Amino acid sequence: MNRFQERPLTRSGLHSTVLGFGAMELRGGSHRLPRMLDEGVAQVLLNTVLDEGIEFIDTSIDYGESEGLIGRFIGHRRSEYLLASKVGCPLDHQPDGPSNGPLVHDYSPSNIRAGIEQSLQRLRTDYLDLAQVHIGPSLAVLQRDDVLGTLERARDEGKVRAIGISSTLPELLDHIDLGVFETFQVPYSALDRSLEGCLPLINATGAGVIVRGGTARGAWSKRTLGSRADLNFDDLFDGDNLQGFLLRFVMTRKEVSTVIVGTASPAHVRENAKAAARGPLAEDIYAEAQRRLDIAGFRASEPRGETI
């Protein structure tokens, strides 16, 4: 088993391994974006996640068969991991829904409560460690539908331990200003640093940062880097492959609590675990990577959108 750094996740005391697992790749063939996966592979995959020491699993009702597979294959190992799911999702993952954008979400108290109950049943657990508001609705929607009040009542009942949100601009700054969410799941990578300036703002509220897209979807990253003659990291890898290097780049940000990486391959889980176990990049390597990214145009932005 690999040993990863554990970092604070919530102000209420939850901690997470810096490497997490994103379970969207378990969505199955009936999903609107089909991902065929043999159940035997899914069973091996999920147990490999835990066997490698990864203690944070992120899923959603929107991810089709994902919650059911997690419950079936590692529900008996529930004490070994933090379990995060989403609220506001359609109770049916709508296999006939649009393939080029998010589903229409419903943040009403009745739908959120029904979604939590459905997730608990599918995941074969009595509680979610983290319930995340999905697709970052506007402040007006959060207030209109009493989203926080609904989740706080679920927390008081013991069905939810912490409340977070999956967010991005332009709503992210309003969500931060509320000062009530314990985690923020945001897109961030070496090749998408648009929210880099927001990370300290999130931490300042006492909330943890969950990064999605941290390895920027390896194939896309290779194409992007391959098309840029002015951007090359090869001499900085120090034994990592590209995905491992990108993962460690994000881990180097002290504001990040965990980086969720999705895959349907047990071998890739092991590769990611090996890279994460090496820890953050050395200061000089990280600084040089930032310098090259800046030159190539992959710059960080200030929270209000200015490039720096």
Protein backbone atom coordinates (compact mmCIF):
# COMPACT_ATOMS: atom_id res chain seq x y z
CA MET A 1 0.00 0.00 0.00
CA ASN A 2 1.21 3.49 -0.82
CA ARG A 3 1.38 6.14 1.87
CA PHE A 4 0.03 9.52 0.90
CA GLN A 5 0.09 12.82 2.66
CA GLU A 6 -3.19 13.53 4.44
CA ARG A 7 -4.50 17.08 4.36
CA PRO A 8 -7.36 18.92 6.08
CA LEU A 9 -10.57 18.66 4.08
CA THR A 10 -13.18 20.43 6.22
CA ARG A 11 -13.19 22.86 9.11
CA SER A 12 -15.16 20.26 11.07
CA GLY A 13 -12.14 17.98 11.17
CA LEU A 14 -12.30 15.64 8.18
CA HIS A 15 -8.95 14.83 6.54
CA SER A 16 -8.33 13.28 3.13
CA THR A 17 -5.52 11.60 1.29
CA VAL A 18 -4.10 14.04 -1.24
CA LEU A 19 -5.01 11.56 -4.00
CA GLY A 20 -8.69 10.78 -4.45
CA PHE A 21 -10.67 8.70 -6.93
CA GLY A 22 -13.31 10.12 -9.25
CA ALA A 23 -15.92 7.47 -10.03
CA MET A 24 -17.50 8.88 -13.20
CA GLU A 25 -15.77 6.18 -15.25
CA LEU A 26 -18.09 3.68 -13.56
CA ARG A 27 -21.16 5.24 -15.21
CA GLY A 28 -21.92 2.22 -17.41
CA GLY A 29 -23.39 1.57 -20.83
CA SER A 30 -26.85 2.99 -20.08
CA HIS A 31 -25.47 6.46 -19.36
CA ARG A 32 -26.04 9.28 -21.87
CA LEU A 33 -22.25 9.20 -22.36
CA PRO A 34 -21.81 5.41 -22.34
CA ARG A 35 -18.75 3.90 -20.69
CA MET A 36 -18.79 0.14 -20.97
CA LEU A 37 -17.09 -1.59 -18.05
CA ASP A 38 -17.32 -5.23 -17.09
CA GLU A 39 -18.51 -5.66 -13.52
CA GLY A 40 -15.52 -7.85 -12.76
CA VAL A 41 -13.21 -5.01 -13.78
CA ALA A 42 -15.23 -2.56 -11.71
CA GLN A 43 -14.86 -4.78 -8.66
CA VAL A 44 -11.10 -5.06 -9.11
CA LEU A 45 -10.82 -1.33 -9.84
CA LEU A 46 -12.62 -0.21 -6.68
CA ASN A 47 -10.75 -2.61 -4.44
CA THR A 48 -7.47 -1.51 -6.03
CA VAL A 49 -8.33 2.08 -5.12
CA LEU A 50 -8.57 1.13 -1.45
CA ASP A 51 -5.69 -1.33 -1.52
CA GLU A 52 -3.44 1.45 -2.87
CA GLY A 53 -4.29 3.65 0.10
CA ILE A 54 -6.67 6.10 -1.61
CA GLU A 55 -9.22 7.19 1.01
CA PHE A 56 -11.44 9.66 -0.84
CA ILE A 57 -14.06 8.60 -3.42
CA ASP A 58 -16.18 11.10 -5.34
CA THR A 59 -19.35 10.03 -7.13
CA SER A 60 -22.78 11.34 -8.13
CA ILE A 61 -26.31 10.30 -9.03
CA ASP A 62 -25.45 11.77 -12.44
CA TYR A 63 -22.77 9.10 -12.89
CA GLY A 64 -25.20 6.36 -13.83
CA GLU A 65 -24.23 3.01 -12.34
CA SER A 66 -21.37 4.44 -10.27
CA GLU A 67 -23.07 4.64 -6.87
CA GLY A 68 -24.52 1.15 -7.16
CA LEU A 69 -21.18 -0.40 -8.06
CA ILE A 70 -19.43 1.34 -5.17
CA GLY A 71 -22.03 0.04 -2.74
CA ARG A 72 -21.94 -3.47 -4.14
CA PHE A 73 -18.19 -3.93 -4.35
CA ILE A 74 -16.71 -1.90 -1.48
CA GLY A 75 -19.68 -1.11 0.74
CA HIS A 76 -18.32 -3.71 3.17
CA ARG A 77 -15.10 -1.65 3.40
CA ARG A 78 -16.95 1.58 4.22
CA SER A 79 -14.71 2.46 7.17
CA GLU A 80 -11.70 2.71 4.85
CA TYR A 81 -12.73 5.75 2.82
CA LEU A 82 -14.48 9.11 2.80
CA LEU A 83 -17.49 9.06 0.51
CA ALA A 84 -18.62 12.16 -1.37
CA SER A 85 -21.65 12.42 -3.64
CA LYS A 86 -23.73 15.22 -5.16
CA VAL A 87 -27.17 16.70 -4.57
CA GLY A 88 -29.60 18.50 -6.85
CA CYS A 89 -29.26 15.85 -9.56
CA PRO A 90 -32.20 14.30 -11.39
CA LEU A 91 -33.04 11.07 -9.56
CA ASP A 92 -32.90 9.25 -12.88
CA HIS A 93 -29.54 9.89 -14.58
CA GLN A 94 -31.49 10.38 -17.82
CA PRO A 95 -29.68 8.25 -20.41
CA ASP A 96 -31.51 10.18 -23.13
CA GLY A 97 -30.34 13.55 -21.81
CA PRO A 98 -28.12 15.96 -23.75
CA SER A 99 -24.62 14.71 -24.50
CA ASN A 100 -23.00 18.13 -24.74
CA GLY A 101 -23.78 19.76 -21.40
CA PRO A 102 -25.09 19.26 -17.87
CA LEU A 103 -28.50 17.85 -17.11
CA VAL A 104 -31.17 20.16 -15.76
CA HIS A 105 -30.85 20.02 -11.98
CA ASP A 106 -33.53 20.46 -9.33
CA TYR A 107 -32.43 22.01 -6.03
CA SER A 108 -35.81 21.85 -4.32
CA PRO A 109 -35.83 20.43 -0.77
CA SER A 110 -37.87 17.42 -1.88
CA ASN A 111 -35.46 16.48 -4.67
CA ILE A 112 -32.37 16.98 -2.51
CA ARG A 113 -33.82 14.84 0.27
CA ALA A 114 -34.92 12.13 -2.15
CA GLY A 115 -31.50 12.18 -3.79
CA ILE A 116 -29.69 11.73 -0.50
CA GLU A 117 -31.92 8.78 0.43
CA GLN A 118 -31.39 7.20 -2.98
CA SER A 119 -27.62 7.66 -2.78
CA LEU A 120 -27.46 6.13 0.71
CA GLN A 121 -29.39 3.11 -0.50
CA ARG A 122 -27.26 2.62 -3.61
CA LEU A 123 -24.01 3.19 -1.77
CA ARG A 124 -25.07 0.84 1.05
CA THR A 125 -24.20 3.31 3.77
CA ASP A 126 -25.95 5.25 6.52
CA TYR A 127 -24.25 8.56 5.78
CA LEU A 128 -22.33 10.61 3.25
CA ASP A 129 -19.10 12.12 4.50
CA LEU A 130 -19.67 14.95 2.05
CA ALA A 131 -22.77 16.11 0.19
CA GLN A 132 -21.82 18.50 -2.61
CA VAL A 133 -24.24 20.83 -4.37
CA HIS A 134 -23.77 19.90 -8.03
CA ILE A 135 -23.28 22.25 -11.01
CA GLY A 136 -22.80 25.32 -8.77
CA PRO A 137 -26.21 27.06 -8.91
CA SER A 138 -26.43 30.82 -8.48
CA LEU A 139 -26.78 32.47 -5.11
CA ALA A 140 -30.37 33.34 -6.02
CA VAL A 141 -31.22 29.66 -6.61
CA LEU A 142 -29.48 28.59 -3.40
CA GLN A 143 -31.58 31.07 -1.44
CA ARG A 144 -34.85 30.49 -3.31
CA ASP A 145 -34.76 26.73 -2.78
CA ASP A 146 -33.36 26.80 0.79
CA VAL A 147 -30.55 24.51 -0.33
CA LEU A 148 -28.34 25.16 2.67
CA GLY A 149 -31.19 24.77 5.12
CA THR A 150 -32.11 21.43 3.57
CA LEU A 151 -28.54 20.16 3.77
CA GLU A 152 -28.08 21.44 7.31
CA ARG A 153 -31.15 19.48 8.38
CA ALA A 154 -29.72 16.36 6.72
CA ARG A 155 -26.48 16.98 8.60
CA ASP A 156 -28.33 17.36 11.90
CA GLU A 157 -29.98 13.99 11.22
CA GLY A 158 -26.58 12.34 10.69
CA LYS A 159 -27.13 11.54 7.03
CA VAL A 160 -24.45 14.02 5.95
CA ARG A 161 -21.25 14.90 7.79
CA ALA A 162 -20.19 17.96 5.76
CA ILE A 163 -21.60 20.24 3.07
CA GLY A 164 -19.69 21.31 -0.03
CA ILE A 165 -20.26 22.60 -3.53
CA SER A 166 -18.99 21.85 -7.03
CA SER A 167 -18.39 25.28 -8.49
CA THR A 168 -16.63 27.45 -11.03
CA LEU A 169 -16.77 31.01 -12.30
CA PRO A 170 -18.81 33.17 -12.51
CA GLU A 171 -20.69 31.84 -9.44
CA LEU A 172 -17.63 30.70 -7.48
CA LEU A 173 -16.88 34.05 -5.85
CA ASP A 174 -20.43 34.33 -4.53
CA HIS A 175 -20.17 30.80 -3.17
CA ILE A 176 -16.92 31.65 -1.40
CA ASP A 177 -18.36 34.84 0.05
CA LEU A 178 -21.17 32.88 1.71
CA GLY A 179 -18.58 31.35 4.04
CA VAL A 180 -20.72 28.28 4.71
CA PHE A 181 -19.41 25.54 2.42
CA GLU A 182 -16.80 23.23 3.90
CA THR A 183 -15.39 22.12 0.56
CA PHE A 184 -15.20 23.46 -2.98
CA GLN A 185 -14.73 21.12 -5.92
CA VAL A 186 -13.16 23.11 -8.76
CA PRO A 187 -11.43 22.46 -12.09
CA TYR A 188 -7.71 23.16 -11.93
CA SER A 189 -4.58 21.89 -13.67
CA ALA A 190 -1.25 23.04 -15.02
CA LEU A 191 -3.01 23.64 -18.35
CA ASP A 192 -6.03 25.39 -16.81
CA ARG A 193 -4.88 27.81 -14.11
CA SER A 194 -7.85 30.15 -14.42
CA LEU A 195 -8.95 29.50 -10.82
CA GLU A 196 -5.49 29.50 -9.26
CA GLY A 197 -6.07 32.89 -7.64
CA CYS A 198 -9.27 31.60 -6.03
CA LEU A 199 -7.60 28.77 -4.13
CA PRO A 200 -6.30 30.96 -1.28
CA LEU A 201 -9.72 32.63 -1.02
CA ILE A 202 -11.34 29.24 -0.52
CA ASN A 203 -8.85 28.26 2.19
CA ALA A 204 -9.37 31.60 3.93
CA THR A 205 -12.95 30.54 4.74
CA GLY A 206 -11.65 27.34 6.36
CA ALA A 207 -12.85 25.22 3.44
CA GLY A 208 -10.93 22.52 1.62
CA VAL A 209 -10.23 22.38 -2.12
CA ILE A 210 -11.13 19.27 -4.12
CA VAL A 211 -9.56 19.44 -7.57
CA ARG A 212 -11.15 17.79 -10.58
CA GLY A 213 -9.41 17.61 -13.95
CA GLY A 214 -6.03 17.83 -12.26
CA THR A 215 -4.32 15.68 -14.85
CA ALA A 216 -6.23 17.49 -17.59
CA ARG A 217 -7.34 14.23 -19.21
CA GLY A 218 -4.01 12.74 -20.22
CA ALA A 219 -4.77 12.33 -23.94
CA TRP A 220 -5.91 15.95 -24.23
CA SER A 221 -2.80 17.07 -22.35
CA LYS A 222 -0.52 15.20 -24.74
CA ARG A 223 -2.22 16.76 -27.75
CA THR A 224 -2.01 20.21 -26.20
CA LEU A 225 1.64 19.88 -25.28
CA GLY A 226 2.47 18.27 -28.60
CA SER A 227 1.04 21.25 -30.44
CA ARG A 228 3.10 23.74 -28.44
CA ALA A 229 6.75 23.84 -29.43
CA ASP A 230 7.36 26.38 -26.63
CA LEU A 231 6.12 24.10 -23.84
CA ASN A 232 8.03 20.99 -22.86
CA PHE A 233 8.25 19.40 -19.42
CA ASP A 234 10.20 16.27 -20.30
CA ASP A 235 13.39 17.27 -18.48
CA LEU A 236 11.36 18.02 -15.33
CA PHE A 237 9.63 14.65 -15.07
CA ASP A 238 12.29 13.00 -12.87
CA GLY A 239 10.90 9.52 -13.43
CA ASP A 240 7.23 10.51 -13.75
CA ASN A 241 5.15 10.16 -16.88
CA LEU A 242 3.10 13.16 -18.04
CA GLN A 243 0.05 12.27 -15.95
CA GLY A 244 2.17 11.76 -12.85
CA PHE A 245 3.90 15.09 -13.36
CA LEU A 246 0.61 16.95 -13.83
CA LEU A 247 -0.80 15.26 -10.73
CA ARG A 248 2.19 16.28 -8.63
CA PHE A 249 2.03 19.83 -10.02
CA VAL A 250 -1.48 20.23 -8.58
CA MET A 251 -0.50 18.50 -5.33
CA THR A 252 2.22 21.11 -4.87
CA ARG A 253 -0.44 23.75 -4.22
CA LYS A 254 -0.76 23.79 -0.43
CA GLU A 255 -4.38 24.94 -0.72
CA VAL A 256 -5.42 21.64 -2.33
CA SER A 257 -6.93 19.01 -0.03
CA THR A 258 -7.27 16.23 -2.58
CA VAL A 259 -7.01 15.66 -6.33
CA ILE A 260 -9.66 13.31 -7.69
CA VAL A 261 -8.46 11.33 -10.70
CA GLY A 262 -10.85 9.12 -12.63
CA THR A 263 -9.95 5.99 -14.55
CA ALA A 264 -11.42 2.61 -15.47
CA SER A 265 -8.03 0.90 -15.31
CA PRO A 266 -6.65 -0.70 -12.14
CA ALA A 267 -3.16 -0.29 -13.65
CA HIS A 268 -3.71 3.45 -13.98
CA VAL A 269 -4.85 3.61 -10.36
CA ARG A 270 -1.57 2.03 -9.33
CA GLU A 271 0.42 4.43 -11.55
CA ASN A 272 -1.36 7.43 -10.07
CA ALA A 273 -0.80 6.13 -6.56
CA LYS A 274 2.91 5.65 -7.23
CA ALA A 275 3.24 9.22 -8.51
CA ALA A 276 1.21 10.73 -5.65
CA ALA A 277 3.27 8.84 -3.07
CA ARG A 278 6.32 10.81 -4.30
CA GLY A 279 4.71 13.93 -2.92
CA PRO A 280 4.70 17.51 -4.23
CA LEU A 281 7.27 18.71 -6.75
CA ALA A 282 10.50 20.20 -5.47
CA GLU A 283 10.34 23.99 -5.16
CA ASP A 284 12.78 24.61 -8.00
CA ILE A 285 11.00 22.18 -10.34
CA TYR A 286 7.62 23.73 -9.57
CA ALA A 287 8.94 27.24 -10.12
CA GLU A 288 10.45 26.27 -13.46
CA ALA A 289 7.20 24.59 -14.54
CA GLN A 290 5.30 27.76 -13.68
CA ARG A 291 7.79 29.87 -15.64
CA ARG A 292 7.38 27.72 -18.76
CA LEU A 293 3.59 27.69 -18.43
CA ASP A 294 3.54 31.49 -18.14
CA ILE A 295 5.67 31.87 -21.28
CA ALA A 296 3.38 29.50 -23.19
CA GLY A 297 0.28 31.44 -22.15
CA PHE A 298 -1.02 29.06 -19.46
CA ARG A 299 -1.07 31.78 -16.83
CA ALA A 300 -2.81 32.07 -13.50
CA SER A 301 -5.61 34.60 -13.20
CA GLU A 302 -6.67 36.90 -10.44
CA PRO A 303 -10.07 36.03 -8.92
CA ARG A 304 -11.74 38.80 -10.90
CA GLY A 305 -10.39 37.48 -14.18
CA GLU A 306 -7.20 39.45 -14.81
CA THR A 307 -4.23 37.42 -16.07
CA ILE A 308 -1.13 37.67 -13.92
